C-alpha atoms as a PDB file:
ATOM      1  CA  MET A   1      57.137  94.862 -43.374  1.00  0.00           C
ATOM      2  CA  ARG A   2      55.739  96.579 -40.280  1.00  0.00           C
ATOM      3  CA  SER A   3      53.416  99.517 -40.649  1.00  0.00           C
ATOM      4  CA  ILE A   4      53.996 102.820 -38.903  1.00  0.00           C
ATOM      5  CA  ALA A   5      50.847 102.300 -36.801  1.00  0.00           C
ATOM      6  CA  SER A   6      52.088  98.937 -35.482  1.00  0.00           C
ATOM      7  CA  THR A   7      55.290 100.667 -34.351  1.00  0.00           C
ATOM      8  CA  LEU A   8      53.746 103.835 -32.900  1.00  0.00           C
ATOM      9  CA  VAL A   9      50.857 102.240 -30.951  1.00  0.00           C
ATOM     10  CA  PRO A  10      53.098 100.264 -28.534  1.00  0.00           C
ATOM     11  CA  LEU A  11      55.301 103.348 -28.127  1.00  0.00           C
ATOM     12  CA  GLY A  12      52.249 105.492 -27.279  1.00  0.00           C
ATOM     13  CA  VAL A  13      51.037 102.942 -24.731  1.00  0.00           C
ATOM     14  CA  ALA A  14      54.470 102.824 -23.088  1.00  0.00           C
ATOM     15  CA  LEU A  15      54.614 106.621 -22.838  1.00  0.00           C
ATOM     16  CA  THR A  16      51.080 106.807 -21.415  1.00  0.00           C
ATOM     17  CA  VAL A  17      51.756 104.162 -18.773  1.00  0.00           C
ATOM     18  CA  SER A  18      55.070 105.724 -17.782  1.00  0.00           C
ATOM     19  CA  GLY A  19      53.248 108.968 -16.890  1.00  0.00           C
ATOM     20  CA  CYS A  20      51.000 107.204 -14.372  1.00  0.00           C
ATOM     21  CA  GLN A  21      51.863 106.641 -10.755  1.00  0.00           C
ATOM     22  CA  THR A  22      53.126 103.105 -10.312  1.00  0.00           C
ATOM     23  CA  TRP A  23      53.118 100.959  -7.239  1.00  0.00           C
ATOM     24  CA  GLY A  24      55.685  98.400  -6.273  1.00  0.00           C
ATOM     25  CA  PRO A  25      54.904  95.143  -4.572  1.00  0.00           C
ATOM     26  CA  THR A  26      54.265  97.037  -1.309  1.00  0.00           C
ATOM     27  CA  TRP A  27      51.733  99.780  -0.592  1.00  0.00           C
ATOM     28  CA  SER A  28      49.093 100.796   1.970  1.00  0.00           C
ATOM     29  CA  GLU A  29      45.471 101.803   1.510  1.00  0.00           C
ATOM     30  CA  VAL A  30      43.112 104.158   3.307  1.00  0.00           C
ATOM     31  CA  SER A  31      39.325 104.390   3.107  1.00  0.00           C
ATOM     32  CA  GLY A  32      36.735 106.656   4.698  1.00  0.00           C
ATOM     33  CA  THR A  33      34.001 104.017   4.453  1.00  0.00           C
ATOM     34  CA  ARG A  34      32.427 102.736   7.659  1.00  0.00           C
ATOM     35  CA  TYR A  35      33.395  99.145   8.365  1.00  0.00           C
ATOM     36  CA  ASN A  36      31.526  98.499  11.618  1.00  0.00           C
ATOM     37  CA  ARG A  37      27.889  99.602  11.646  1.00  0.00           C
ATOM     38  CA  THR A  38      27.266  98.995  15.357  1.00  0.00           C
ATOM     39  CA  GLU A  39      29.304 101.872  16.833  1.00  0.00           C
ATOM     40  CA  LEU A  40      27.094 104.722  18.056  1.00  0.00           C
ATOM     41  CA  ASN A  41      27.760 108.272  16.818  1.00  0.00           C
ATOM     42  CA  ARG A  42      30.237 107.100  14.173  1.00  0.00           C
ATOM     43  CA  SER A  43      30.173 108.129  10.529  1.00  0.00           C
ATOM     44  CA  ALA A  44      32.223 107.893   7.374  1.00  0.00           C
ATOM     45  CA  VAL A  45      34.808 110.488   6.395  1.00  0.00           C
ATOM     46  CA  VAL A  46      35.892 111.983   3.100  1.00  0.00           C
ATOM     47  CA  ILE A  47      39.647 111.797   2.629  1.00  0.00           C
ATOM     48  CA  GLU A  48      40.418 115.239   1.245  1.00  0.00           C
ATOM     49  CA  THR A  49      44.214 115.010   1.066  1.00  0.00           C
ATOM     50  CA  VAL A  50      47.128 112.741   1.926  1.00  0.00           C
ATOM     51  CA  ASP A  51      50.284 114.735   2.670  1.00  0.00           C
ATOM     52  CA  GLY A  52      48.657 117.811   1.124  1.00  0.00           C
ATOM     53  CA  ARG A  53      47.689 116.137  -2.164  1.00  0.00           C
ATOM     54  CA  THR A  54      44.405 114.627  -3.333  1.00  0.00           C
ATOM     55  CA  PRO A  55      44.939 110.877  -3.677  1.00  0.00           C
ATOM     56  CA  VAL A  56      45.312 109.940  -7.356  1.00  0.00           C
ATOM     57  CA  ASP A  57      42.960 106.964  -7.377  1.00  0.00           C
ATOM     58  CA  TYR A  58      40.404 108.328  -4.908  1.00  0.00           C
ATOM     59  CA  ARG A  59      37.141 109.366  -6.560  1.00  0.00           C
ATOM     60  CA  SER A  60      35.674 112.599  -5.213  1.00  0.00           C
ATOM     61  CA  GLY A  61      32.351 112.395  -3.478  1.00  0.00           C
ATOM     62  CA  GLY A  62      32.730 108.715  -2.649  1.00  0.00           C
ATOM     63  CA  TYR A  63      34.323 106.783   0.132  1.00  0.00           C
ATOM     64  CA  ARG A  64      36.543 104.534  -1.905  1.00  0.00           C
ATOM     65  CA  VAL A  65      39.969 103.135  -1.170  1.00  0.00           C
ATOM     66  CA  ALA A  66      43.078 105.190  -1.978  1.00  0.00           C
ATOM     67  CA  ARG A  67      46.553 103.717  -2.321  1.00  0.00           C
ATOM     68  CA  ILE A  68      49.239 105.498  -0.349  1.00  0.00           C
ATOM     69  CA  GLU A  69      52.917 104.985   0.359  1.00  0.00           C
ATOM     70  CA  PRO A  70      53.599 103.214   3.679  1.00  0.00           C
ATOM     71  CA  GLY A  71      54.968 105.396   6.494  1.00  0.00           C
ATOM     72  CA  ASN A  72      53.809 108.456   8.408  1.00  0.00           C
ATOM     73  CA  ARG A  73      51.087 110.228   6.427  1.00  0.00           C
ATOM     74  CA  LEU A  74      49.140 113.379   7.259  1.00  0.00           C
ATOM     75  CA  LEU A  75      45.481 112.951   6.281  1.00  0.00           C
ATOM     76  CA  THR A  76      43.004 115.822   5.978  1.00  0.00           C
ATOM     77  CA  LEU A  77      39.505 114.468   6.603  1.00  0.00           C
ATOM     78  CA  THR A  78      35.958 115.786   6.527  1.00  0.00           C
ATOM     79  CA  GLY A  79      33.498 114.090   8.880  1.00  0.00           C
ATOM     80  CA  VAL A  80      30.242 113.147   7.194  1.00  0.00           C
ATOM     81  CA  PRO A  81      27.466 114.726   9.319  1.00  0.00           C
ATOM     82  CA  LEU A  82      25.180 112.528  11.406  1.00  0.00           C
ATOM     83  CA  ARG A  83      22.202 114.848  10.858  1.00  0.00           C
ATOM     84  CA  THR A  84      20.786 116.841   7.980  1.00  0.00           C
ATOM     85  CA  GLY A  85      21.876 120.470   8.032  1.00  0.00           C
ATOM     86  CA  TRP A  86      25.255 119.906   9.672  1.00  0.00           C
ATOM     87  CA  GLN A  87      28.358 121.159   7.911  1.00  0.00           C
ATOM     88  CA  GLY A  88      31.326 118.833   7.547  1.00  0.00           C
ATOM     89  CA  GLN A  89      34.279 119.805   9.739  1.00  0.00           C
ATOM     90  CA  LEU A  90      37.899 119.324   8.629  1.00  0.00           C
ATOM     91  CA  ARG A  91      40.382 117.487  10.826  1.00  0.00           C
ATOM     92  CA  GLU A  92      43.985 116.444  10.366  1.00  0.00           C
ATOM     93  CA  TYR A  93      45.052 112.945  11.343  1.00  0.00           C
ATOM     94  CA  GLN A  94      48.550 111.491  11.498  1.00  0.00           C
ATOM     95  CA  LEU A  95      48.542 107.867  10.277  1.00  0.00           C
ATOM     96  CA  ASP A  96      51.486 105.493  10.594  1.00  0.00           C
ATOM     97  CA  ALA A  97      50.592 103.351   7.581  1.00  0.00           C
ATOM     98  CA  LYS A  98      52.106  99.881   7.750  1.00  0.00           C
ATOM     99  CA  PRO A  99      52.945  98.136   4.464  1.00  0.00           C
ATOM    100  CA  CYS A 100      50.212  95.945   2.961  1.00  0.00           C
ATOM    101  CA  MET A 101      47.504  97.148   5.366  1.00  0.00           C
ATOM    102  CA  ARG A 102      44.141  98.805   4.581  1.00  0.00           C
ATOM    103  CA  TYR A 103      42.839 101.340   7.111  1.00  0.00           C
ATOM    104  CA  TYR A 104      39.192 102.324   7.526  1.00  0.00           C
ATOM    105  CA  ILE A 105      39.198 105.818   9.068  1.00  0.00           C
ATOM    106  CA  ASN A 106      35.918 107.147  10.532  1.00  0.00           C
ATOM    107  CA  ALA A 107      34.598 110.128  12.479  1.00  0.00           C
ATOM    108  CA  GLN A 108      33.638 109.426  16.089  1.00  0.00           C
ATOM    109  CA  PHE A 109      31.237 112.129  17.300  1.00  0.00           C
ATOM    110  CA  ALA A 110      30.936 112.901  21.025  1.00  0.00           C
ATOM    111  CA  ASP A 111      27.138 112.687  20.752  1.00  0.00           C
ATOM    112  CA  PRO A 112      24.455 113.084  18.076  1.00  0.00           C
ATOM    113  CA  LEU A 113      23.891 116.752  19.024  1.00  0.00           C
ATOM    114  CA  SER A 114      27.470 118.047  18.588  1.00  0.00           C
ATOM    115  CA  PRO A 115      28.330 118.438  14.895  1.00  0.00           C
ATOM    116  CA  SER A 116      31.806 119.881  15.456  1.00  0.00           C
ATOM    117  CA  ASP A 117      32.859 117.630  18.353  1.00  0.00           C
ATOM    118  CA  TRP A 118      34.424 114.636  16.604  1.00  0.00           C
ATOM    119  CA  LYS A 119      37.766 112.952  16.245  1.00  0.00           C
ATOM    120  CA  PRO A 120      39.187 110.622  13.594  1.00  0.00           C
ATOM    121  CA  VAL A 121      39.454 106.954  14.614  1.00  0.00           C
ATOM    122  CA  ILE A 122      40.692 103.805  12.909  1.00  0.00           C
ATOM    123  CA  ASP A 123      37.533 101.716  12.657  1.00  0.00           C
ATOM    124  CA  TYR A 124      39.196  98.616  11.215  1.00  0.00           C
ATOM    125  CA  THR A 125      42.420  97.378   9.613  1.00  0.00           C
ATOM    126  CA  GLU A 126      42.941  94.421   7.319  1.00  0.00           C
ATOM    127  CA  PRO A 127      45.749  92.979   5.182  1.00  0.00           C
ATOM    128  CA  ILE A 128      45.686  93.748   1.454  1.00  0.00           C
ATOM    129  CA  ALA A 129      45.449  90.689  -0.773  1.00  0.00           C
ATOM    130  CA  GLY A 130      48.190  90.545  -3.408  1.00  0.00           C
ATOM    131  CA  CYS A 131      50.480  92.947  -1.580  1.00  0.00           C
ATOM    132  CA  SER A 132      53.861  91.626  -0.504  1.00  0.00           C
ATOM    133  CA  VAL A 133      56.161  93.131   2.092  1.00  0.00           C
ATOM    134  CA  THR A 134      59.677  93.315   0.701  1.00  0.00           C
ATOM    135  CA  MET A 135      62.406  92.290   3.092  1.00  0.00           C
ATOM    136  CA  ALA A 136      65.521  94.441   3.400  1.00  0.00           C
ATOM    137  CA  ALA A 137      68.710  92.901   2.047  1.00  0.00           C
ATOM    138  CA  LYS A 138      71.113  91.692   4.743  1.00  0.00           C
END
């Protein structure tokens, strides 16, 4: 005879998991971490929002990777200042995220003396291990 707990625990797990965002076999990722360290006047960015929403799996205050749906995405970014005392400046960036690709987005400053003169750039892209591009049915 099964106990009530052995019946309710799997049900609770199923309900908890169903409330989470799930990803299919195909997704994209975006990170504000610097990939190349040799570019002058370049810094990391904080990804504030993707399409107006804070990414679910992106931890605030860090420059970790966030999963996003492939396609055209509007990113709101804050450039991490090159010098102490600078304030981060917000910028919007339109990204055409290809399936199964990880994008490292950075801030490229015009020079080390201009805290508000920067633009978002893709520092590096790489394929995501374990991600598979689904082919459309013919």
